[in-house]
Amino acid sequence: MHAAVLPQWELIARLLLAAALGSIIGVERERSVRTAGLRTHMLVAVGSCLIIIVSAYGFSAVLGDHVILDPSRVAAQVVSGIGFLGAGSIILRNEAIKGLTTAASIWAVAAIGLAAGAGLYTAAVASTAIILAILAGLKPFEDRYTARRTSLELRLKARRGETSLASLAQALGRHGTRVKQLIVQHDGAGDNDDVTLVLDRVSPRDTADVILSLERLPFVSAVDEKGAARPTT
């Protein structure tokens, strides 16, 4: 069965639609100052659209009774092959992985391009609206939640040799499992240790409880949170 020849105007319309939908996602990433922005997302969308068009209609001249082509195989290669672009947008900074959302948006834009190229206009437009809502609409809620649960770094002055992970975990109670890092260093003079304590996923409300628990320890003489020293009584 021969594939129908795609009219030239519709071919151009599909490519332009893919570019337009990709630009919508790209503008949001550009506004967020991400590594992959407007042009990257547009190119991915147009490229994916062109690939599926070529796969579906570009070999109609050679199709016959003994020649069968499967356009879905090319689409599958796009889905897996676009991963190298996504990997390029992922970076490791300060022990934190950045760029996963942008990598996912590139992968999603490739799917939008495939949908536009296959003539699934409703799916392409609807997917763009949903992806844009996820990227832009949910960002304030995500930022608000993240701001409430961030890493907490404290510096303590403690009597030499009395600070241990077990003693701090016991004093912190339910917050003891959130201890991410503990560094104990001799201050070089006197009988004190300089202690750096880092806890993960601590909200502002929990911060006050953590500091109060540490201040109650008999061997702790001062607690410093981000440069604001709080001597114990």
Protein backbone atom coordinates (compact mmCIF):
# COMPACT_ATOMS: atom_id res chain seq x y z
CA MET A 1 0.00 0.00 0.00
CA HIS A 2 1.52 3.30 -1.10
CA ALA A 3 1.68 6.21 1.29
CA ALA A 4 -0.29 9.28 0.23
CA VAL A 5 1.84 12.16 -1.01
CA LEU A 6 1.81 15.06 1.44
CA PRO A 7 0.78 18.40 -0.14
CA GLN A 8 3.58 20.96 -0.08
CA TRP A 9 1.53 23.51 1.85
CA GLU A 10 0.74 20.98 4.55
CA LEU A 11 4.38 19.95 4.79
CA ILE A 12 5.37 23.57 5.40
CA ALA A 13 2.46 24.05 7.80
CA ARG A 14 3.55 21.09 9.90
CA LEU A 15 7.12 22.36 10.09
CA LEU A 16 5.96 25.86 11.04
CA LEU A 17 3.60 24.47 13.67
CA ALA A 18 6.41 22.44 15.18
CA ALA A 19 8.65 25.53 15.25
CA ALA A 20 5.91 27.62 16.86
CA LEU A 21 5.12 25.04 19.53
CA GLY A 22 8.81 24.49 20.25
CA SER A 23 9.33 28.24 20.59
CA ILE A 24 6.64 28.45 23.28
CA ILE A 25 8.55 25.99 25.46
CA GLY A 26 11.86 27.58 24.50
CA VAL A 27 10.74 31.04 25.58
CA GLU A 28 9.89 29.73 29.04
CA ARG A 29 13.32 28.08 29.34
CA GLU A 30 14.98 31.25 28.03
CA ARG A 31 13.12 33.32 30.62
CA SER A 32 14.41 30.98 33.32
CA VAL A 33 17.98 31.46 32.00
CA ARG A 34 18.52 27.79 31.19
CA THR A 35 21.29 26.27 29.08
CA ALA A 36 18.87 25.23 26.32
CA GLY A 37 16.62 28.09 25.29
CA LEU A 38 14.50 29.34 22.40
CA ARG A 39 16.57 28.28 19.41
CA THR A 40 17.47 24.87 20.84
CA HIS A 41 13.84 23.92 21.48
CA MET A 42 12.72 25.21 18.09
CA LEU A 43 15.44 23.26 16.29
CA VAL A 44 14.59 20.07 18.17
CA ALA A 45 10.90 20.42 17.34
CA VAL A 46 11.46 21.20 13.65
CA GLY A 47 14.09 18.47 13.30
CA SER A 48 11.84 15.84 14.86
CA CYS A 49 8.95 16.98 12.67
CA LEU A 50 11.05 16.74 9.51
CA ILE A 51 12.38 13.31 10.46
CA ILE A 52 8.90 11.81 10.87
CA ILE A 53 7.73 13.45 7.63
CA VAL A 54 10.68 12.03 5.70
CA SER A 55 10.13 8.65 7.32
CA ALA A 56 6.43 8.57 6.46
CA TYR A 57 6.42 10.19 3.02
CA GLY A 58 9.99 10.47 1.77
CA PHE A 59 10.27 6.91 0.43
CA SER A 60 6.89 6.57 -1.27
CA ALA A 61 8.60 6.26 -4.66
CA VAL A 62 10.29 2.99 -3.71
CA LEU A 63 7.33 1.39 -2.01
CA GLY A 64 5.85 -1.61 -3.75
CA ASP A 65 4.59 -5.12 -3.23
CA HIS A 66 7.96 -6.29 -1.96
CA VAL A 67 9.07 -3.09 -0.16
CA ILE A 68 7.56 -2.27 3.23
CA LEU A 69 8.73 0.60 5.43
CA ASP A 70 7.93 1.16 9.09
CA PRO A 71 7.91 4.92 9.95
CA SER A 72 7.58 4.17 13.66
CA ARG A 73 11.14 2.83 13.73
CA VAL A 74 12.50 6.28 12.88
CA ALA A 75 10.32 7.90 15.54
CA ALA A 76 11.70 5.46 18.09
CA GLN A 77 15.24 6.46 17.15
CA VAL A 78 14.37 10.12 17.68
CA VAL A 79 13.09 9.39 21.18
CA SER A 80 16.30 7.61 22.15
CA GLY A 81 18.71 9.74 20.11
CA ILE A 82 17.54 13.07 21.55
CA GLY A 83 19.05 11.96 24.85
CA PHE A 84 22.50 13.32 23.94
CA LEU A 85 21.10 16.86 23.83
CA GLY A 86 19.42 16.36 27.17
CA ALA A 87 22.65 15.03 28.66
CA GLY A 88 24.44 18.14 27.46
CA SER A 89 22.10 20.37 29.47
CA ILE A 90 22.66 18.47 32.73
CA ILE A 91 25.49 19.72 34.92
CA LEU A 92 26.81 18.98 38.41
CA ARG A 93 27.25 22.10 40.52
CA ASN A 94 28.05 22.18 44.23
CA GLU A 95 27.13 18.50 44.60
CA ALA A 96 23.69 19.23 43.09
CA ILE A 97 22.46 18.13 39.67
CA LYS A 98 21.10 20.98 37.54
CA GLY A 99 19.34 20.87 34.18
CA LEU A 100 17.12 17.81 34.54
CA THR A 101 13.97 19.84 33.84
CA THR A 102 15.51 21.39 30.73
CA ALA A 103 16.62 17.95 29.54
CA ALA A 104 13.07 16.68 30.02
CA SER A 105 11.67 19.68 28.12
CA ILE A 106 13.98 18.95 25.17
CA TRP A 107 12.79 15.35 25.13
CA ALA A 108 9.14 16.49 25.33
CA VAL A 109 9.63 19.04 22.53
CA ALA A 110 10.98 16.26 20.32
CA ALA A 111 7.73 14.37 20.93
CA ILE A 112 5.75 17.51 20.05
CA GLY A 113 7.66 17.76 16.79
CA LEU A 114 6.89 14.13 16.01
CA ALA A 115 3.20 14.69 16.71
CA ALA A 116 3.09 17.79 14.49
CA GLY A 117 4.93 15.97 11.71
CA ALA A 118 2.53 13.03 11.93
CA GLY A 119 -0.47 15.34 11.60
CA LEU A 120 -1.64 14.92 15.20
CA TYR A 121 -2.26 18.62 15.60
CA THR A 122 -4.57 18.42 18.61
CA ALA A 123 -2.12 16.23 20.50
CA ALA A 124 0.79 18.55 19.64
CA VAL A 125 -1.01 21.72 20.73
CA ALA A 126 -2.47 20.14 23.87
CA SER A 127 0.91 18.73 24.87
CA THR A 128 2.51 22.15 24.45
CA ALA A 129 -0.10 23.74 26.71
CA ILE A 130 0.33 21.04 29.35
CA ILE A 131 4.14 21.22 29.27
CA LEU A 132 4.07 25.02 29.51
CA ALA A 133 1.72 24.79 32.48
CA ILE A 134 4.08 22.35 34.17
CA LEU A 135 7.19 24.46 33.54
CA ALA A 136 5.79 27.92 34.27
CA GLY A 137 2.64 27.32 36.30
CA LEU A 138 4.08 24.91 38.86
CA LYS A 139 7.43 26.72 39.28
CA PRO A 140 6.23 29.13 42.02
CA PHE A 141 4.81 26.24 44.06
CA GLU A 142 8.01 24.23 43.65
CA ASP A 143 10.16 27.21 44.66
CA ARG A 144 7.98 27.84 47.70
CA TYR A 145 8.25 24.22 48.80
CA THR A 146 12.00 24.08 48.16
CA ALA A 147 12.57 27.29 50.11
CA ARG A 148 10.88 25.74 53.12
CA ARG A 149 13.01 22.61 53.03
CA THR A 150 16.66 23.42 52.37
CA SER A 151 20.00 22.43 53.80
CA LEU A 152 20.90 23.97 57.15
CA GLU A 153 24.56 24.61 58.04
CA LEU A 154 25.46 25.32 61.65
CA ARG A 155 28.77 26.05 63.34
CA LEU A 156 29.21 25.07 66.95
CA LYS A 157 31.75 25.75 69.65
CA ALA A 158 32.06 22.64 71.82
CA ARG A 159 34.36 21.26 74.48
CA ARG A 160 37.21 19.31 72.95
CA GLY A 161 36.62 15.65 72.32
CA GLU A 162 32.96 15.57 73.42
CA THR A 163 31.23 16.00 70.06
CA SER A 164 30.10 12.84 68.28
CA LEU A 165 27.49 11.95 65.70
CA ALA A 166 25.68 9.77 68.23
CA SER A 167 25.43 12.54 70.84
CA LEU A 168 24.17 15.08 68.30
CA ALA A 169 21.68 12.67 66.77
CA GLN A 170 20.31 11.84 70.21
CA ALA A 171 19.96 15.53 71.06
CA LEU A 172 18.25 16.32 67.75
CA GLY A 173 15.67 13.54 68.14
CA ARG A 174 13.57 13.15 65.00
CA HIS A 175 15.86 15.57 63.19
CA GLY A 176 18.88 13.37 63.85
CA THR A 177 18.32 11.35 60.68
CA ARG A 178 18.72 14.51 58.61
CA VAL A 179 22.37 15.00 59.53
CA LYS A 180 24.23 15.11 56.22
CA GLN A 181 27.71 16.16 57.30
CA LEU A 182 29.66 16.52 60.54
CA ILE A 183 33.14 18.04 60.69
CA VAL A 184 35.03 18.42 63.98
CA GLN A 185 38.26 20.45 64.04
CA HIS A 186 40.47 21.59 66.89
CA ASP A 187 40.56 25.38 67.07
CA GLY A 188 44.27 25.30 67.82
CA ALA A 189 43.98 27.11 71.14
CA GLY A 190 42.03 26.46 74.29
CA ASP A 191 39.84 23.49 75.01
CA ASN A 192 37.25 23.92 72.25
CA ASP A 193 36.42 22.25 68.95
CA ASP A 194 35.03 24.01 65.88
CA VAL A 195 32.11 21.86 64.71
CA THR A 196 30.36 22.17 61.34
CA LEU A 197 26.99 20.45 61.18
CA VAL A 198 24.91 20.20 57.98
CA LEU A 199 21.34 18.92 57.98
CA ASP A 200 19.25 18.17 54.90
CA ARG A 201 15.59 19.08 54.27
CA VAL A 202 15.07 21.44 57.19
CA SER A 203 12.22 23.96 57.20
CA PRO A 204 12.43 27.35 59.00
CA ARG A 205 10.17 26.00 61.73
CA ASP A 206 12.43 22.98 62.22
CA THR A 207 15.50 25.22 62.25
CA ALA A 208 14.47 26.82 65.52
CA ASP A 209 13.92 23.39 67.11
CA VAL A 210 17.32 22.15 65.91
CA ILE A 211 19.18 25.17 67.26
CA LEU A 212 17.36 25.01 70.59
CA SER A 213 18.20 21.31 70.94
CA LEU A 214 21.88 21.98 70.28
CA GLU A 215 21.99 24.92 72.68
CA ARG A 216 20.79 22.63 75.48
CA LEU A 217 23.79 20.34 75.14
CA PRO A 218 26.12 20.88 78.13
CA PHE A 219 29.31 20.71 76.03
CA VAL A 220 28.12 23.26 73.41
CA SER A 221 29.03 26.88 74.19
CA ALA A 222 27.81 28.63 71.02
CA VAL A 223 25.71 27.98 67.92
CA ASP A 224 26.27 29.99 64.74
CA GLU A 225 23.77 29.92 61.89
CA LYS A 226 24.99 31.63 58.73
CA GLY A 227 27.20 34.02 60.61
CA ALA A 228 24.67 34.95 63.30
CA ALA A 229 26.27 33.70 66.49
CA ARG A 230 24.05 32.58 69.33
CA PRO A 231 25.93 31.85 72.57
CA THR A 232 24.26 29.32 74.81
CA THR A 233 23.15 30.21 78.32
